[in-house]
């Protein structure tokens, strides 16, 4: 069993420098029990917001679609 940190989910949503590693981790852990904390959703949403409004790496028009996919 692995505890998955919100940084894994955030990397996949915003496609940052750790995107590929995060995706591989989830793919390799498919048959393993994965758990996370309730706070992970909030932290992932915050990372998405930061990449849209502060870092401007993601266009604002994509924010609502990505947010719904959390």
N, C-alpha and C. Protein backbone atom coordinates (compact mmCIF):
# COMPACT_ATOMS: atom_id res chain seq x y z
N UNK A 1 0.85 -1.17 0.00
CA UNK A 1 0.00 0.00 0.00
C UNK A 1 0.89 1.24 0.00
N UNK A 2 0.53 2.20 -0.83
CA UNK A 2 1.24 3.47 -0.90
C UNK A 2 0.29 4.61 -0.56
N UNK A 3 0.82 5.61 0.14
CA UNK A 3 0.08 6.84 0.37
C UNK A 3 0.53 7.81 -0.71
N UNK A 4 -0.40 8.25 -1.53
CA UNK A 4 -0.08 9.11 -2.66
C UNK A 4 -0.26 10.57 -2.25
N UNK A 5 0.80 11.33 -2.42
CA UNK A 5 0.79 12.76 -2.10
C UNK A 5 0.11 13.54 -3.22
N UNK A 6 -0.41 14.69 -2.88
CA UNK A 6 -1.10 15.52 -3.88
C UNK A 6 -0.18 15.96 -5.00
N UNK A 7 1.13 15.97 -4.77
CA UNK A 7 2.06 16.38 -5.82
C UNK A 7 2.00 15.45 -7.03
N UNK A 8 1.67 14.19 -6.80
CA UNK A 8 1.51 13.24 -7.92
C UNK A 8 0.34 13.68 -8.80
N UNK A 9 -0.79 13.96 -8.17
CA UNK A 9 -1.98 14.39 -8.92
C UNK A 9 -1.76 15.74 -9.59
N UNK A 10 -1.12 16.66 -8.86
CA UNK A 10 -0.87 18.00 -9.41
C UNK A 10 0.04 17.92 -10.63
N UNK A 11 1.07 17.10 -10.57
CA UNK A 11 1.98 16.96 -11.71
C UNK A 11 1.26 16.46 -12.95
N UNK A 12 0.32 15.57 -12.75
CA UNK A 12 -0.43 15.04 -13.89
C UNK A 12 -1.39 16.08 -14.45
N UNK A 13 -2.05 16.82 -13.58
CA UNK A 13 -3.01 17.84 -14.04
C UNK A 13 -2.31 18.99 -14.76
N UNK A 14 -1.20 19.51 -14.19
CA UNK A 14 -0.55 20.69 -14.77
C UNK A 14 0.57 20.33 -15.75
N UNK A 15 0.90 19.03 -15.84
CA UNK A 15 1.95 18.55 -16.75
C UNK A 15 3.27 19.31 -16.54
N UNK A 16 3.74 19.28 -15.29
CA UNK A 16 5.00 19.94 -14.97
C UNK A 16 6.19 19.02 -15.24
N UNK A 17 7.34 19.36 -14.70
CA UNK A 17 8.55 18.59 -14.94
C UNK A 17 8.52 17.17 -14.41
N UNK A 18 7.61 16.87 -13.50
CA UNK A 18 7.50 15.54 -12.92
C UNK A 18 6.33 14.74 -13.50
N UNK A 19 5.72 15.26 -14.54
CA UNK A 19 4.54 14.62 -15.14
C UNK A 19 4.80 13.16 -15.51
N UNK A 20 5.88 12.91 -16.23
CA UNK A 20 6.15 11.56 -16.71
C UNK A 20 6.40 10.60 -15.56
N UNK A 21 7.15 11.04 -14.56
CA UNK A 21 7.42 10.18 -13.40
C UNK A 21 6.15 9.88 -12.62
N UNK A 22 5.30 10.89 -12.47
CA UNK A 22 4.04 10.70 -11.74
C UNK A 22 3.14 9.72 -12.48
N UNK A 23 3.07 9.88 -13.79
CA UNK A 23 2.25 8.99 -14.61
C UNK A 23 2.77 7.55 -14.54
N UNK A 24 4.09 7.39 -14.61
CA UNK A 24 4.69 6.05 -14.52
C UNK A 24 4.42 5.42 -13.15
N UNK A 25 4.52 6.23 -12.10
CA UNK A 25 4.26 5.71 -10.76
C UNK A 25 2.85 5.15 -10.66
N UNK A 26 1.87 5.92 -11.13
CA UNK A 26 0.49 5.45 -11.06
C UNK A 26 0.27 4.22 -11.94
N UNK A 27 0.91 4.19 -13.10
CA UNK A 27 0.77 3.02 -13.98
C UNK A 27 1.38 1.77 -13.35
N UNK A 28 2.55 1.92 -12.76
CA UNK A 28 3.22 0.77 -12.14
C UNK A 28 2.53 0.32 -10.86
N UNK A 29 1.81 1.23 -10.23
CA UNK A 29 1.15 0.93 -8.95
C UNK A 29 -0.30 0.53 -9.13
N UNK A 30 -0.70 0.25 -10.34
CA UNK A 30 -2.10 -0.06 -10.64
C UNK A 30 -2.65 -1.21 -9.82
N UNK A 31 -1.83 -2.20 -9.56
CA UNK A 31 -2.30 -3.39 -8.83
C UNK A 31 -2.04 -3.29 -7.33
N UNK A 32 -1.53 -2.16 -6.90
CA UNK A 32 -1.25 -1.94 -5.49
C UNK A 32 -2.33 -1.03 -4.91
N UNK A 33 -2.64 -1.23 -3.65
CA UNK A 33 -3.59 -0.33 -3.01
C UNK A 33 -2.97 1.05 -2.85
N UNK A 34 -3.65 2.07 -3.36
CA UNK A 34 -3.20 3.45 -3.23
C UNK A 34 -4.21 4.20 -2.38
N UNK A 35 -3.72 4.99 -1.45
CA UNK A 35 -4.60 5.81 -0.64
C UNK A 35 -4.05 7.23 -0.63
N UNK A 36 -4.88 8.17 -0.27
CA UNK A 36 -4.44 9.56 -0.12
C UNK A 36 -5.27 10.20 0.98
N UNK A 37 -4.91 11.39 1.34
CA UNK A 37 -5.65 12.11 2.38
C UNK A 37 -6.69 13.01 1.71
N UNK A 38 -7.71 13.39 2.46
CA UNK A 38 -8.76 14.26 1.92
C UNK A 38 -8.19 15.60 1.45
N UNK A 39 -7.14 16.04 2.08
CA UNK A 39 -6.52 17.33 1.76
C UNK A 39 -5.92 17.34 0.35
N UNK A 40 -5.68 16.20 -0.23
CA UNK A 40 -5.04 16.11 -1.54
C UNK A 40 -5.85 16.83 -2.62
N UNK A 41 -7.17 16.75 -2.56
CA UNK A 41 -8.00 17.43 -3.55
C UNK A 41 -7.78 18.94 -3.47
N UNK A 42 -7.78 19.48 -2.27
CA UNK A 42 -7.60 20.92 -2.07
C UNK A 42 -6.21 21.35 -2.53
N UNK A 43 -5.20 20.59 -2.17
CA UNK A 43 -3.83 20.92 -2.56
C UNK A 43 -3.63 20.85 -4.07
N UNK A 44 -4.25 19.89 -4.71
CA UNK A 44 -4.15 19.76 -6.17
C UNK A 44 -4.86 20.92 -6.85
N UNK A 45 -6.03 21.29 -6.36
CA UNK A 45 -6.76 22.43 -6.91
C UNK A 45 -5.95 23.71 -6.73
N UNK A 46 -5.28 23.85 -5.60
CA UNK A 46 -4.45 25.03 -5.35
C UNK A 46 -3.27 25.08 -6.32
N UNK A 47 -2.64 23.94 -6.57
CA UNK A 47 -1.53 23.90 -7.53
C UNK A 47 -2.00 24.27 -8.93
N UNK A 48 -3.18 23.79 -9.31
CA UNK A 48 -3.74 24.15 -10.61
C UNK A 48 -3.98 25.65 -10.69
N UNK A 49 -4.59 26.21 -9.66
CA UNK A 49 -4.85 27.66 -9.62
C UNK A 49 -3.55 28.43 -9.77
N UNK A 50 -2.51 28.01 -9.05
CA UNK A 50 -1.21 28.68 -9.10
C UNK A 50 -0.63 28.67 -10.52
N UNK A 51 -0.75 27.54 -11.21
CA UNK A 51 -0.21 27.44 -12.57
C UNK A 51 -1.01 28.26 -13.57
N UNK A 52 -2.27 28.54 -13.27
CA UNK A 52 -3.09 29.35 -14.16
C UNK A 52 -2.90 30.84 -13.87
N UNK A 53 -3.08 31.25 -12.61
CA UNK A 53 -3.14 32.67 -12.28
C UNK A 53 -1.83 33.30 -11.84
N UNK A 54 -0.91 32.54 -11.29
CA UNK A 54 0.36 33.11 -10.84
C UNK A 54 1.46 32.86 -11.87
N UNK A 55 1.68 31.60 -12.22
CA UNK A 55 2.75 31.26 -13.15
C UNK A 55 2.36 31.44 -14.61
N UNK A 56 1.07 31.46 -14.88
CA UNK A 56 0.52 31.63 -16.23
C UNK A 56 1.05 30.59 -17.23
N UNK A 57 1.22 29.37 -16.75
CA UNK A 57 1.66 28.26 -17.60
C UNK A 57 0.48 27.62 -18.32
N UNK A 58 -0.70 27.78 -17.76
CA UNK A 58 -1.91 27.17 -18.32
C UNK A 58 -2.88 28.30 -18.65
N UNK A 59 -3.45 28.31 -19.85
CA UNK A 59 -4.41 29.36 -20.22
C UNK A 59 -5.64 29.33 -19.31
N UNK A 60 -6.15 30.52 -18.99
CA UNK A 60 -7.31 30.64 -18.10
C UNK A 60 -8.53 29.91 -18.63
N UNK A 61 -8.69 29.85 -19.94
CA UNK A 61 -9.87 29.19 -20.49
C UNK A 61 -9.86 27.67 -20.28
N UNK A 62 -8.72 27.11 -19.94
CA UNK A 62 -8.64 25.66 -19.67
C UNK A 62 -8.83 25.34 -18.20
N UNK A 63 -8.83 26.36 -17.35
CA UNK A 63 -8.91 26.16 -15.91
C UNK A 63 -10.17 25.39 -15.50
N UNK A 64 -11.33 25.81 -15.97
CA UNK A 64 -12.57 25.17 -15.52
C UNK A 64 -12.64 23.70 -15.96
N UNK A 65 -12.16 23.40 -17.15
CA UNK A 65 -12.16 22.01 -17.61
C UNK A 65 -11.23 21.15 -16.76
N UNK A 66 -10.04 21.64 -16.51
CA UNK A 66 -9.09 20.89 -15.69
C UNK A 66 -9.60 20.74 -14.26
N UNK A 67 -10.21 21.80 -13.74
CA UNK A 67 -10.73 21.77 -12.37
C UNK A 67 -11.82 20.72 -12.23
N UNK A 68 -12.67 20.59 -13.23
CA UNK A 68 -13.74 19.58 -13.20
C UNK A 68 -13.17 18.17 -13.23
N UNK A 69 -12.00 18.00 -13.85
CA UNK A 69 -11.39 16.68 -13.96
C UNK A 69 -10.65 16.23 -12.71
N UNK A 70 -10.58 17.10 -11.73
CA UNK A 70 -9.94 16.69 -10.48
C UNK A 70 -10.81 15.65 -9.85
